[in-house]
Structure formats: C-alpha cells, structure tokens
Protein backbone atom coordinates (compact mmCIF):
# COMPACT_ATOMS: atom_id res chain seq x y z
CA UNK A 1 122.37 109.28 111.75
CA UNK A 2 119.23 107.95 110.10
CA UNK A 3 115.69 109.08 110.75
CA UNK A 4 113.12 106.72 109.17
CA UNK A 5 109.35 107.04 109.16
CA UNK A 6 106.21 105.80 107.47
CA UNK A 7 104.11 108.16 105.34
CA UNK A 8 101.20 107.89 102.96
CA UNK A 9 103.12 108.42 99.74
CA UNK A 10 101.88 108.83 96.17
CA UNK A 11 102.68 105.95 93.78
CA UNK A 12 105.05 108.26 91.87
CA UNK A 13 107.61 107.90 94.68
CA UNK A 14 107.92 104.16 94.00
CA UNK A 15 107.20 103.39 97.64
CA UNK A 16 109.71 105.68 99.28
CA UNK A 17 112.42 108.28 99.08
CA UNK A 18 115.34 109.60 101.10
CA UNK A 19 117.05 112.94 101.48
CA UNK A 20 120.05 114.29 103.33
CA UNK A 21 119.44 117.03 105.90
CA UNK A 22 122.98 118.02 106.94
CA UNK A 23 124.36 114.80 108.51
CA UNK A 24 120.95 113.14 108.94
CA UNK A 25 119.56 110.79 106.31
CA UNK A 26 115.77 111.00 106.37
CA UNK A 27 114.09 107.92 104.89
CA UNK A 28 110.38 107.84 104.08
CA UNK A 29 108.53 104.57 103.35
CA UNK A 30 104.94 104.14 102.19
CA UNK A 31 102.81 102.97 105.11
CA UNK A 32 100.37 101.25 102.72
CA UNK A 33 102.91 98.78 101.26
CA UNK A 34 103.25 95.23 102.57
CA UNK A 35 106.03 94.57 105.13
CA UNK A 36 108.36 92.91 102.59
CA UNK A 37 108.11 95.87 100.23
CA UNK A 38 108.60 98.30 103.12
CA UNK A 39 111.85 96.55 104.11
CA UNK A 40 113.01 96.45 100.51
CA UNK A 41 112.25 100.14 100.04
CA UNK A 42 114.00 101.18 103.27
CA UNK A 43 117.14 99.22 102.34
CA UNK A 44 117.04 100.55 98.79
CA UNK A 45 116.70 104.18 99.83
CA UNK A 46 119.58 104.00 102.32
CA UNK A 47 121.90 102.32 99.81
CA UNK A 48 120.92 104.70 97.03
CA UNK A 49 121.52 107.73 99.25
CA UNK A 50 125.05 106.54 100.04
CA UNK A 51 125.96 105.20 96.59
CA UNK A 52 124.12 107.64 94.32
CA UNK A 53 125.68 107.65 90.89
CA UNK A 54 128.15 104.86 91.64
CA UNK A 55 125.81 101.85 91.43
CA UNK A 56 122.96 101.29 88.96
CA UNK A 57 119.43 101.57 90.33
CA UNK A 58 118.60 98.00 89.26
CA UNK A 59 121.75 96.67 90.97
CA UNK A 60 120.70 98.35 94.23
CA UNK A 61 117.33 96.57 93.96
CA UNK A 62 119.11 93.23 93.56
CA UNK A 63 121.45 93.84 96.50
CA UNK A 64 118.51 94.74 98.75
CA UNK A 65 116.50 91.68 97.68
CA UNK A 66 119.50 89.46 98.38
CA UNK A 67 119.95 91.00 101.84
CA UNK A 68 116.32 90.35 102.75
CA UNK A 69 116.54 86.78 101.44
CA UNK A 70 119.68 86.10 103.49
CA UNK A 71 118.02 87.45 106.64
CA UNK A 72 114.87 85.39 105.98
CA UNK A 73 116.91 82.21 105.54
CA UNK A 74 118.52 82.90 108.93
CA UNK A 75 115.08 83.56 110.46
CA UNK A 76 116.12 87.08 111.36
C-alpha cells in the first residue's frame, strides 16, 4: 500500500522522500513545487524505494521523465 501526501519540505530533500513503515510506503512531496516536478518526484520516490541499490539514481530520474512524457503524449 502507498500513502502519499504533500508537505512543506526543505530544499535539502530534493523535493521529496519516501520511507517504508512495515508494508506501507509513505511518500512525501513538496507542496511548493510545480505540478510537473511533483509528479516527477512522486514517481521517483516510489521507484527508488522499490529499486534502492539496484538502479542508479540518475537512471531513475530518466525513467520517471520518460513515463511522464509518454503520459503527456497520450493526453493522460
């Protein structure tokens, strides 16, 4: 299960973070970011939580950007 929410986060978080609480993945996204960045951060944090240590941080950013672009091209 995922529990996502907006928070006013310090810049040091990079716009968001996630943590596991038993079987619940809690995802926190900066409420001050623009909607594109919020989507990118949410996708990034979920992927990173599941793939931690198996995929490079920069690669996760690229995957998330590509997902958003694909959805935008489909008007979703």
